[in-house]
Protein backbone atom coordinates (compact mmCIF):
# COMPACT_ATOMS: atom_id res chain seq x y z
CA MET A 1 16.48 -0.84 -17.69
CA THR A 2 14.84 -1.07 -14.28
CA SER A 3 15.99 1.19 -11.47
CA PRO A 4 17.01 -0.17 -8.08
CA ARG A 5 14.25 0.18 -5.49
CA ALA A 6 16.45 2.37 -3.31
CA ALA A 7 16.46 4.95 -6.09
CA LEU A 8 12.65 4.91 -6.34
CA VAL A 9 11.69 4.98 -2.65
CA SER A 10 13.08 7.91 -0.67
CA ILE A 11 11.57 9.22 2.55
CA GLU A 12 13.26 12.54 1.80
CA ASP A 13 11.13 12.83 -1.36
CA THR A 14 7.83 11.58 0.10
CA PRO A 15 6.51 9.03 2.61
CA TRP A 16 3.54 8.19 0.31
CA TYR A 17 3.64 5.40 -2.31
CA HIS A 18 1.30 3.57 -4.67
CA CYS A 19 2.33 -0.06 -5.22
CA VAL A 20 1.06 -2.72 -7.62
CA SER A 21 1.90 -6.43 -7.61
CA ARG A 22 0.76 -8.85 -10.31
CA CYS A 23 0.36 -12.60 -10.51
CA VAL A 24 2.80 -14.42 -12.79
CA ARG A 25 1.87 -14.15 -16.46
CA ARG A 26 -1.06 -12.02 -15.21
CA ALA A 27 -2.94 -15.26 -14.71
CA PHE A 28 -6.22 -15.19 -12.82
CA LEU A 29 -4.77 -16.87 -9.76
CA CYS A 30 -6.96 -14.87 -7.37
CA GLY A 31 -10.25 -14.90 -9.27
CA GLU A 32 -12.04 -17.16 -11.72
CA ASP A 33 -9.78 -19.26 -13.92
CA HIS A 34 -11.60 -19.53 -17.25
CA PHE A 35 -9.45 -22.49 -18.31
CA SER A 36 -10.01 -24.75 -15.30
CA GLY A 37 -13.36 -23.31 -14.23
CA LYS A 38 -12.09 -22.95 -10.66
CA ASN A 39 -12.84 -19.86 -8.66
CA PHE A 40 -10.16 -18.47 -6.36
CA ASP A 41 -11.99 -15.34 -5.27
CA HIS A 42 -11.41 -16.20 -1.63
CA ARG A 43 -7.71 -15.48 -2.14
CA ARG A 44 -8.59 -11.84 -2.65
CA GLY A 45 -9.86 -11.90 0.91
CA TRP A 46 -6.55 -13.41 2.03
CA ILE A 47 -4.67 -10.49 0.51
CA ALA A 48 -6.96 -7.78 1.90
CA GLU A 49 -6.74 -9.29 5.37
CA ARG A 50 -2.99 -9.73 5.23
CA ILE A 51 -2.43 -6.13 4.13
CA MET A 52 -4.12 -4.88 7.29
CA GLN A 53 -2.34 -7.42 9.49
CA LEU A 54 1.01 -6.27 8.17
CA ALA A 55 0.00 -2.66 8.76
CA GLY A 56 -0.22 -3.68 12.41
CA ILE A 57 3.46 -4.59 12.64
CA PHE A 58 5.33 -2.44 10.12
CA ALA A 59 5.68 1.31 10.52
CA ILE A 60 3.68 1.56 7.31
CA ASP A 61 0.11 2.91 7.23
CA VAL A 62 -2.45 1.84 4.62
CA ALA A 63 -4.57 4.56 3.01
CA ALA A 64 -6.17 2.52 0.21
CA TYR A 65 -6.15 -0.93 -1.37
CA ALA A 66 -7.94 -2.89 -4.07
CA VAL A 67 -7.51 -6.60 -4.68
CA MET A 68 -8.39 -7.72 -8.20
CA SER A 69 -8.35 -11.13 -9.89
CA ASN A 70 -4.74 -11.00 -11.07
CA HIS A 71 -3.17 -8.07 -9.22
CA TYR A 72 -3.58 -5.77 -6.26
CA HIS A 73 -2.96 -2.11 -5.48
CA VAL A 74 -2.05 -0.49 -2.18
CA VAL A 75 -1.43 3.14 -1.20
CA VAL A 76 0.75 3.47 1.88
CA ARG A 77 2.55 5.98 4.06
CA ILE A 78 5.95 5.06 5.51
CA ASP A 79 6.25 6.31 9.09
CA GLN A 80 10.00 6.28 9.65
CA GLU A 81 9.75 8.54 12.69
CA ARG A 82 7.56 6.04 14.53
CA ALA A 83 9.94 3.18 13.81
CA LEU A 84 12.88 5.18 15.15
CA GLU A 85 11.01 5.78 18.42
CA TRP A 86 10.49 2.07 19.15
CA SER A 87 12.55 0.54 21.93
CA VAL A 88 14.82 -2.42 21.23
CA GLU A 89 12.31 -4.71 22.90
CA GLU A 90 9.43 -3.32 20.82
CA VAL A 91 11.37 -3.83 17.60
CA LEU A 92 12.21 -7.42 18.53
CA ARG A 93 8.63 -8.17 19.56
CA ARG A 94 7.29 -6.92 16.25
CA TRP A 95 9.91 -8.75 14.23
CA THR A 96 9.31 -12.07 15.94
CA GLU A 97 5.57 -11.79 15.31
CA LEU A 98 6.45 -12.74 11.74
CA PHE A 99 9.89 -14.30 11.78
CA SER A 100 11.56 -16.92 13.89
CA GLY A 101 14.49 -14.96 15.25
CA PRO A 102 17.83 -16.30 16.48
CA LEU A 103 17.90 -18.07 19.84
CA LEU A 104 19.71 -15.06 21.25
CA VAL A 105 16.70 -12.85 20.48
CA THR A 106 14.32 -15.39 22.02
CA ARG A 107 16.39 -15.39 25.19
CA TYR A 108 16.49 -11.59 25.28
CA LEU A 109 12.69 -11.47 25.15
CA SER A 110 12.35 -13.95 28.01
CA GLU A 111 13.40 -14.10 31.65
CA ALA A 112 16.72 -15.47 30.42
CA ARG A 113 17.75 -11.91 29.47
CA ALA A 114 19.31 -11.51 32.92
CA GLU A 115 21.77 -14.28 32.05
CA LEU A 116 23.06 -12.62 28.86
CA CYS A 117 26.52 -11.11 28.92
CA ASP A 118 27.32 -7.61 27.63
CA ALA A 119 28.59 -8.94 24.29
CA GLU A 120 25.37 -10.91 23.73
CA ILE A 121 23.22 -7.90 24.58
CA ALA A 122 25.27 -5.78 22.18
CA LYS A 123 24.67 -8.37 19.45
CA VAL A 124 20.92 -8.31 20.10
CA GLU A 125 20.89 -4.52 19.91
CA GLU A 126 22.76 -4.71 16.61
CA LEU A 127 20.16 -7.15 15.26
CA ALA A 128 17.38 -4.85 16.48
CA GLU A 129 18.73 -1.98 14.37
CA THR A 130 18.70 -4.24 11.31
CA TYR A 131 15.11 -5.23 12.06
CA ARG A 132 14.13 -1.61 12.74
CA ALA A 133 15.28 -0.60 9.26
CA ARG A 134 13.25 -3.42 7.73
CA LEU A 135 10.13 -2.54 9.70
CA HIS A 136 9.78 0.70 7.76
CA ASP A 137 11.08 -0.63 4.45
CA LEU A 138 8.54 -0.76 1.62
CA SER A 139 10.27 -3.66 -0.15
CA TRP A 140 10.20 -5.78 3.00
CA PHE A 141 6.51 -4.98 3.50
CA MET A 142 5.64 -6.06 -0.05
CA ARG A 143 7.85 -9.14 -0.01
CA THR A 144 6.40 -10.33 3.28
CA LEU A 145 2.88 -9.87 1.98
CA ASN A 146 3.56 -11.67 -1.29
CA GLU A 147 5.50 -14.53 0.27
CA HIS A 148 2.70 -15.33 2.69
CA ILE A 149 0.01 -15.35 -0.02
CA ALA A 150 2.18 -17.39 -2.41
CA ARG A 151 2.72 -20.08 0.21
CA GLN A 152 -0.99 -20.27 0.98
CA ALA A 153 -1.97 -20.46 -2.69
CA ASN A 154 0.69 -23.02 -3.58
CA ALA A 155 -0.33 -25.18 -0.63
CA GLU A 156 -3.96 -25.01 -1.74
CA ASP A 157 -3.00 -25.98 -5.31
CA GLY A 158 -0.48 -28.61 -4.24
CA VAL A 159 2.23 -27.04 -6.38
CA LYS A 160 5.50 -25.17 -6.06
CA GLY A 161 6.78 -22.21 -7.99
CA ARG A 162 6.32 -18.50 -8.44
CA PHE A 163 2.95 -16.92 -7.77
CA TRP A 164 3.90 -13.25 -8.21
CA GLU A 165 5.93 -11.39 -10.78
CA GLY A 166 9.42 -10.72 -9.50
CA ARG A 167 9.14 -6.97 -8.96
CA PHE A 168 6.28 -4.84 -7.76
CA LYS A 169 5.69 -1.44 -9.33
CA SER A 170 5.95 1.60 -7.09
CA GLN A 171 5.03 5.22 -7.70
CA ALA A 172 6.10 8.01 -5.37
CA LEU A 173 3.17 10.30 -4.53
CA LEU A 174 4.79 13.71 -4.29
CA ASP A 175 1.90 15.92 -3.13
CA GLU A 176 -1.75 15.95 -2.05
CA GLN A 177 -2.95 16.01 -5.66
CA ALA A 178 -1.02 12.82 -6.39
CA LEU A 179 -2.28 11.14 -3.22
CA LEU A 180 -5.90 11.97 -4.04
CA ALA A 181 -5.58 10.76 -7.64
CA ALA A 182 -3.86 7.52 -6.63
CA MET A 183 -6.35 6.68 -3.87
CA ALA A 184 -9.33 7.26 -6.16
CA TYR A 185 -7.66 5.27 -8.93
CA VAL A 186 -7.14 2.35 -6.55
CA ASP A 187 -10.59 2.44 -4.95
CA LEU A 188 -12.32 2.60 -8.35
CA ASN A 189 -10.55 -0.42 -9.84
CA PRO A 190 -13.61 -2.73 -9.73
CA VAL A 191 -15.92 -0.03 -11.15
CA ARG A 192 -13.43 0.72 -13.91
CA ALA A 193 -13.12 -3.00 -14.71
CA GLY A 194 -16.90 -3.37 -14.91
CA ILE A 195 -17.19 -5.89 -12.07
CA ALA A 196 -18.92 -3.47 -9.67
CA GLU A 197 -21.54 -0.79 -10.24
CA THR A 198 -20.68 1.41 -7.28
CA PRO A 199 -17.82 1.95 -4.81
CA GLU A 200 -19.84 0.40 -1.99
CA ALA A 201 -20.34 -2.74 -4.10
CA SER A 202 -16.61 -3.02 -4.84
CA ASP A 203 -15.49 -6.10 -2.91
CA TYR A 204 -11.99 -6.29 -1.43
CA THR A 205 -11.41 -2.54 -1.60
CA SER A 206 -10.65 0.04 1.06
CA ILE A 207 -13.53 2.25 -0.05
CA GLN A 208 -16.02 -0.55 0.63
CA ALA A 209 -14.42 -1.17 4.02
CA ARG A 210 -14.61 2.52 4.88
CA ILE A 211 -18.25 2.87 3.82
CA GLU A 212 -19.25 -0.21 5.82
CA ALA A 213 -17.48 1.22 8.87
CA VAL A 214 -18.90 4.74 8.55
CA PRO A 215 -20.98 4.86 11.77
CA GLU A 216 -18.19 3.67 14.02
CA THR A 217 -14.76 4.31 12.63
CA VAL A 218 -14.61 6.79 9.78
CA GLU A 219 -13.04 9.52 11.90
CA ALA A 220 -11.90 7.26 14.71
CA GLU A 221 -8.57 7.84 16.34
CA ILE A 222 -5.99 5.13 15.92
CA THR A 223 -3.64 4.33 18.69
CA ALA A 224 0.05 3.92 18.02
CA THR A 225 -0.30 1.41 15.25
CA GLU A 226 1.79 -1.62 14.68
CA ARG A 227 3.28 -2.91 11.49
CA LEU A 228 4.70 -6.07 10.07
CA PRO A 229 8.16 -6.93 8.83
CA ALA A 230 9.04 -8.22 5.48
CA ASP A 231 9.33 -11.26 3.37
CA ALA A 232 11.95 -13.91 3.50
CA SER A 233 10.79 -15.60 0.37
CA ALA A 234 13.79 -16.18 -1.81
CA THR A 235 16.35 -15.19 0.79
CA ALA A 236 15.96 -15.07 4.52
CA ALA A 237 18.30 -12.18 4.99
CA LEU A 238 19.57 -13.42 8.32
CA GLU A 239 20.89 -16.85 9.01
CA GLY A 240 18.52 -19.11 10.88
CA GLU A 241 15.45 -16.92 10.36
CA THR A 242 12.35 -17.96 8.47
CA LEU A 243 8.96 -16.42 7.88
CA ARG A 244 6.52 -17.96 10.32
CA SER A 245 3.91 -20.36 8.99
CA GLU A 246 0.39 -19.33 8.03
CA ASP A 247 -1.01 -21.10 11.08
CA GLU A 248 1.33 -19.16 13.38
CA THR A 249 0.39 -15.75 11.96
CA GLN A 250 -3.28 -16.33 11.17
CA ALA A 251 -4.43 -14.71 14.40
CA LEU A 252 -2.45 -11.49 13.95
CA PRO A 253 -4.81 -8.56 14.56
CA LYS A 254 -5.88 -6.29 11.71
CA ILE A 255 -5.68 -2.56 12.33
CA PRO A 256 -7.96 0.09 10.80
CA LEU A 257 -7.19 1.97 7.62
CA MET A 258 -5.66 5.42 8.04
CA PRO A 259 -8.18 7.97 9.30
CA PHE A 260 -8.97 11.18 7.42
CA ASP A 261 -8.04 14.59 8.85
CA ALA A 262 -8.90 17.62 6.72
CA THR A 263 -6.86 19.90 8.99
CA ALA A 264 -3.69 18.03 7.95
CA ARG A 265 -2.44 18.42 11.53
CA THR A 266 -2.08 14.67 11.97
CA PRO A 267 0.83 13.33 9.88
CA TRP A 268 -0.41 9.74 10.03
CA ALA A 269 -3.83 10.65 8.57
CA VAL A 270 -5.06 11.16 5.02
CA PRO A 271 -5.11 14.98 4.65
CA PHE A 272 -8.70 15.28 3.35
CA ALA A 273 -12.20 15.13 4.78
CA PHE A 274 -13.74 11.71 4.25
CA ASP A 275 -17.00 13.22 2.99
CA ASP A 276 -15.08 15.15 0.31
CA TYR A 277 -13.20 12.04 -0.73
CA LEU A 278 -16.35 9.93 -0.87
CA GLU A 279 -18.06 12.60 -2.98
CA LEU A 280 -15.12 12.52 -5.42
CA VAL A 281 -15.05 8.72 -5.69
CA ASP A 282 -18.81 8.56 -6.24
CA TRP A 283 -18.70 11.34 -8.87
CA THR A 284 -15.80 9.72 -10.71
CA GLY A 285 -17.34 6.27 -10.49
CA ARG A 286 -20.55 7.48 -12.12
CA ALA A 287 -18.56 8.86 -15.05
CA LEU A 288 -16.63 5.59 -15.42
CA ARG A 289 -19.62 3.24 -15.39
CA SER A 290 -20.07 1.53 -18.74
CA ASP A 291 -23.69 2.70 -19.10
CA LYS A 292 -22.77 6.30 -18.30
CA ARG A 293 -19.26 6.52 -19.75
CA GLY A 294 -18.52 9.97 -21.06
CA HIS A 295 -21.17 11.67 -18.92
CA ILE A 296 -19.65 14.08 -16.42
CA ASP A 297 -21.85 15.71 -13.81
CA ALA A 298 -21.41 19.47 -14.07
CA ARG A 299 -21.36 19.76 -10.28
CA GLN A 300 -17.75 18.87 -9.65
CA PRO A 301 -16.54 17.82 -6.18
CA ARG A 302 -15.23 20.66 -4.03
CA ILE A 303 -11.94 18.92 -3.38
CA LEU A 304 -10.92 19.22 -7.04
CA ALA A 305 -11.08 23.00 -6.96
CA ARG A 306 -9.27 23.15 -3.63
CA LEU A 307 -6.36 21.11 -5.00
CA ASN A 308 -6.28 22.79 -8.43
CA ILE A 309 -7.22 19.61 -10.31
CA ASP A 310 -9.01 19.78 -13.64
CA GLY A 311 -12.25 17.78 -13.33
CA GLU A 312 -12.50 16.59 -16.94
CA GLN A 313 -8.87 15.52 -16.96
CA PHE A 314 -9.36 13.76 -13.62
CA ILE A 315 -12.02 11.60 -15.25
CA SER A 316 -9.85 11.10 -18.32
CA TYR A 317 -6.89 9.87 -16.26
CA ALA A 318 -9.01 7.84 -13.84
CA ASP A 319 -8.48 4.71 -15.93
CA ARG A 320 -4.89 5.31 -17.06
CA LEU A 321 -3.10 6.89 -14.13
CA LEU A 322 -0.72 3.95 -13.72
CA LYS A 323 0.42 4.06 -17.34
CA ALA A 324 0.38 7.83 -17.77
CA PHE A 325 2.89 8.31 -14.96
CA GLY A 326 6.09 6.41 -14.32
CA THR A 327 7.84 6.08 -10.98
CA ALA A 328 6.29 9.22 -9.51
CA ILE A 329 3.02 11.17 -9.61
CA GLY A 330 2.72 14.84 -8.79
CA ALA A 331 2.22 18.37 -10.03
CA PRO A 332 4.60 19.52 -12.81
CA GLN A 333 6.88 21.43 -10.45
CA ALA A 334 7.07 18.45 -8.07
CA LEU A 335 8.14 16.14 -10.91
CA THR A 336 10.66 18.68 -12.17
CA SER A 337 12.19 18.98 -8.70
CA LEU A 338 12.36 15.19 -8.41
CA CYS A 339 14.20 15.03 -11.74
CA ALA A 340 16.82 17.37 -10.33
CA ARG A 341 17.23 15.34 -7.13
CA ARG A 342 17.49 12.07 -9.05
CA GLN A 343 19.87 13.74 -11.52
CA THR A 344 17.81 12.61 -14.48
CA LYS A 345 16.59 14.66 -17.44
CA TYR A 346 13.11 13.18 -17.77
CA LEU A 347 10.33 11.52 -15.81
CA ARG A 348 7.34 9.94 -17.51
CA GLY A 349 4.19 11.82 -16.58
CA ILE A 350 5.16 15.48 -16.82
CA ARG A 351 2.82 16.03 -19.77
CA ALA A 352 0.01 14.25 -17.92
CA ALA A 353 0.72 16.33 -14.82
CA ARG A 354 0.37 19.55 -16.79
CA GLN A 355 -3.05 18.43 -18.03
CA LEU A 356 -4.33 16.92 -14.80
CA PHE A 357 -2.99 19.25 -12.14
CA THR A 358 -3.50 22.57 -13.95
CA PRO A 359 -7.09 23.82 -13.73
CA LYS A 360 -8.73 25.40 -16.76
CA LEU A 361 -8.94 29.17 -16.68
CA ALA A 362 -12.42 30.60 -16.64
CA ALA A 363 -13.51 31.87 -20.04
């Protein structure tokens, strides 16, 4: 039995999440279709671009992504505090970047605001609070992303119908160990699948984007970022509102990926040094390559020791992290605490956590 999303995504537990969305029937609707011979690789670019556009409107930061032929992964941080600081006007501006709002909202954002009565202004402010909640809601982020891509793909194919499976999978990342493991797992998808030899050759991934941007933006500051609202695919949650067309939103700006900050003083940054992370991804990727599978370089990355992660187990779980853990990833004590908060007796992954996040004692 599936759990409601509200039970799986809790800012009180963690702002960090790993999400996966798959094409219907796991068909190759974003890569090469071996039955028709058509290649839809360009759709992977659509998804990668849209992820970063949405990160410019939602209060949701993107730490990592990988777009494959029949699914994609994204690691995000929900920034509820930022969303709560936005003014009513800022919330409405962001929302209407993606959705056609009610006429009342349009008037509020124009010179006609001076003509609105107190009751109308109160109604707009009420709507703004609804939008504000959606602008830091993970489900709305994912639905908006998927709806946009589905409409583009269906228009290209001249068909109607579902493009994505109904639910996306989400995993709460409870600590730094979980965040590191999930990001590396996501960035190494193409290497693990055998379609890329190295991280830098892994198309449509955040690690490739970061490596290409190294001289200019690896440690660049990001200004108060913007984010996108959510999807109105099956149900436009408010009467009279629809997701704007692809033509209308094509020019939305893309924002950078989250920066790295090893001091962990910046809450909206990945709490590692980029050099350490890159060393880990390269080291793990070498062990996963088909021609070197099973070979583990004895010189393990420094970040593993700092976070008490067993190197051999890290390699072992690098291609099965998604299946080994259920709705949350973290150290054993973090998973045990989450069980207590969720009032459940068991969470899949506790055994894996004991192996992965408990370093071997020196002989």
